Amino acid sequence: MKMSFSRMSTFQDCPKKYYWKYVRNLVPRETPKAMRVGKEFHAGVAGEADETLWNKIGILAKKFFRPLPGEVPELKAEFKIADDLNLVCIADSVSDQYVTEYKTTSRPDANTYNALQLSLQHRLYAMVFSKPAVLLRVVTKSSIRQRKDENEQMFEQRYLQEYIDSPEDHFLEVEIPITKPGAIKELLTMNDLIKMCSSKDVWPMAAPYACYGFGACPYMDLCRDEETFAPMFEERIEHE
């Protein structure tokens, strides 16, 4: 079974959501805007040539932050943590002092940073680098909106210009200490739970807002009425 932090955190949020996404392989026919933004931004940070707005902002962020001394981009580490489980870990970059992650957010507040910290802990502990901190490179979204007197191209240029004029307001570096020593044990326990559910084909029935309402789950309609809302989903295409 191929396991990832995304899979594990999905199961942690809601086993039924895991069932829809990774057992039934269903995804919404329309890609959520947040996912498109994230992919475009990371493509920009990687320096890939693309004309989307967030690619351009990602390239600006990469230039603004500049490489750290001894930084290795897209570092990948693989090691065995159980008889039947190898762990492959990938970071945006690693230096002598930091594991670096690039993120976008529209809410750069304490709650957001706390959520990002929790989302990184398992992977970073598992990387066994003994790094003192995560250097979280956050790009905050501008609050400006498109005006009635401008077309899409004019709006994007004005949006981009705001990042050029005041990058320090949008490109933030945040040090996050990692304080969860039981992360690997939790990962193994979660892996066993997922295996058990898979082998017995037992997935808890989830009601809407099973994730406590912290985020809008794209599978809420399926949980409510699979027959009616199934046409809104399609089979997910796996990418290596």
Foldseek 3Di string as FASTA:
>chain_A
DDDDLVLLVLVVLFLVSSCVCPVVQKDFPDDDPVVVLFVLLVCLLVVHDDDDLNSVVSVVLNVVVDDDVAKDAFDWDWDDPDPPDIDIATARIDHPAEGEHEDEEQDPDPVVVVVVLVSCQLRVLVRPPPHFWHWYWYFHQDPDDDDPPDDPVVVSVVRSVVCVVCVVVGTDIDTGGHDDNCSPVVVVVSVVVSVVCVVVVDGDQDAACSSVPPDHRPCNVCSVPVVVCVVSIDRHDDDD
